[in-house]
Amino acid sequence: MLALMNEDADWYRNEDTERFKRIQELAKKIETASTRQFSSHISKERFEAYQRMGLQFKEIAEEFHITTTALQQWRKDNGYPIYNKNNKK
C-alpha cells in the first residue's frame, strides 16, 4: 500500500483511478485485520466494568489500546447496541 501511495503523491485527489481504489481496498483489509487482532484481548467483563466505572467510549478504547472504530466493531460483533448522535436511545 505504501509503495502505491509513494508512486503518486496526489493519489487521493482522484477517486476514479485504479490506484485510489486499490489503496482503499488495502486500507480496509488492514483495518479489518487490526480489529480482529485487538478484539481477541477485549473481554466483555472488562468492557462492562469500564462502563460501570463511568468511562466514556473513547476512554474505554484507550484502556484497551485500540481505536474507537475498533471498539465499535467489537461492540457490534458482540451484540452491544450502537448509538450515534442521530440514534440516541
Protein backbone atom coordinates (compact mmCIF):
# COMPACT_ATOMS: atom_id res chain seq x y z
CA MET A 1 0.00 0.00 0.00
CA LEU A 2 2.80 2.40 0.86
CA ALA A 3 4.51 1.70 -2.44
CA LEU A 4 1.32 2.62 -4.30
CA MET A 5 0.99 5.81 -2.28
CA ASN A 6 4.63 6.76 -2.81
CA GLU A 7 4.41 6.34 -6.59
CA ASP A 8 1.92 9.22 -6.79
CA ALA A 9 1.82 11.80 -4.00
CA ASP A 10 -1.57 13.05 -5.24
CA TRP A 11 -3.22 9.61 -5.42
CA TYR A 12 -6.02 10.70 -3.07
CA ARG A 13 -7.20 13.53 -5.33
CA ASN A 14 -8.76 11.29 -7.98
CA GLU A 15 -11.17 8.70 -6.62
CA ASP A 16 -11.80 7.20 -10.07
CA THR A 17 -8.32 5.75 -10.54
CA GLU A 18 -7.36 2.12 -10.02
CA ARG A 19 -4.58 3.28 -7.69
CA PHE A 20 -7.08 5.04 -5.40
CA LYS A 21 -9.40 2.04 -5.37
CA ARG A 22 -6.56 -0.39 -4.63
CA ILE A 23 -5.21 1.75 -1.79
CA GLN A 24 -8.68 1.99 -0.26
CA GLU A 25 -9.12 -1.78 -0.59
CA LEU A 26 -5.80 -2.46 1.13
CA ALA A 27 -6.60 0.03 3.89
CA LYS A 28 -9.87 -1.78 4.61
CA LYS A 29 -8.05 -5.12 4.81
CA ILE A 30 -5.53 -3.67 7.24
CA GLU A 31 -8.28 -2.16 9.37
CA THR A 32 -10.20 -5.45 9.43
CA ALA A 33 -7.12 -7.43 10.42
CA SER A 34 -6.30 -4.88 13.09
CA THR A 35 -9.81 -5.04 14.50
CA ARG A 36 -9.69 -8.84 14.67
CA GLN A 37 -6.31 -8.77 16.37
CA PHE A 38 -7.38 -6.29 19.03
CA SER A 39 -10.80 -7.79 19.63
CA SER A 40 -9.23 -11.02 20.82
CA HIS A 41 -7.94 -9.33 24.00
CA ILE A 42 -11.11 -7.42 24.86
CA SER A 43 -13.35 -9.20 27.33
CA LYS A 44 -17.00 -8.44 27.95
CA GLU A 45 -16.27 -8.42 31.67
CA ARG A 46 -13.58 -5.73 31.39
CA PHE A 47 -15.66 -3.70 28.94
CA GLU A 48 -18.68 -3.74 31.25
CA ALA A 49 -16.51 -2.94 34.28
CA TYR A 50 -15.18 0.14 32.48
CA GLN A 51 -18.76 1.16 31.68
CA ARG A 52 -19.81 0.75 35.33
CA MET A 53 -16.84 2.90 36.33
CA GLY A 54 -18.33 5.65 34.16
CA LEU A 55 -15.63 5.72 31.50
CA GLN A 56 -16.62 7.31 28.21
CA PHE A 57 -16.42 5.32 24.97
CA LYS A 58 -13.16 6.96 23.92
CA GLU A 59 -11.65 6.32 27.35
CA ILE A 60 -12.61 2.65 27.18
CA ALA A 61 -10.93 2.37 23.78
CA GLU A 62 -7.82 3.97 25.24
CA GLU A 63 -7.83 1.47 28.14
CA PHE A 64 -7.82 -1.37 25.59
CA HIS A 65 -5.21 0.45 23.46
CA ILE A 66 -7.42 0.40 20.38
CA THR A 67 -9.18 2.93 18.18
CA THR A 68 -12.79 3.88 18.78
CA THR A 69 -13.55 2.34 15.38
CA ALA A 70 -12.12 -1.00 16.51
CA LEU A 71 -14.08 -0.84 19.76
CA GLN A 72 -17.27 -0.01 17.92
CA GLN A 73 -16.74 -3.01 15.64
CA TRP A 74 -16.12 -5.22 18.69
CA ARG A 75 -19.38 -3.95 20.21
CA LYS A 76 -21.28 -4.81 17.02
CA ASP A 77 -19.67 -8.25 16.86
CA ASN A 78 -20.60 -8.93 20.48
CA GLY A 79 -24.21 -7.78 20.34
CA TYR A 80 -23.94 -4.45 22.12
CA PRO A 81 -26.22 -1.67 20.85
CA ILE A 82 -24.54 1.04 18.82
CA TYR A 83 -25.61 4.59 19.48
CA ASN A 84 -24.83 7.63 17.40
CA LYS A 85 -25.82 11.27 17.56
CA ASN A 86 -28.84 10.69 15.31
CA ASN A 87 -29.93 7.48 17.05
CA LYS A 88 -29.68 8.03 20.81
CA LYS A 89 -31.77 5.62 22.83
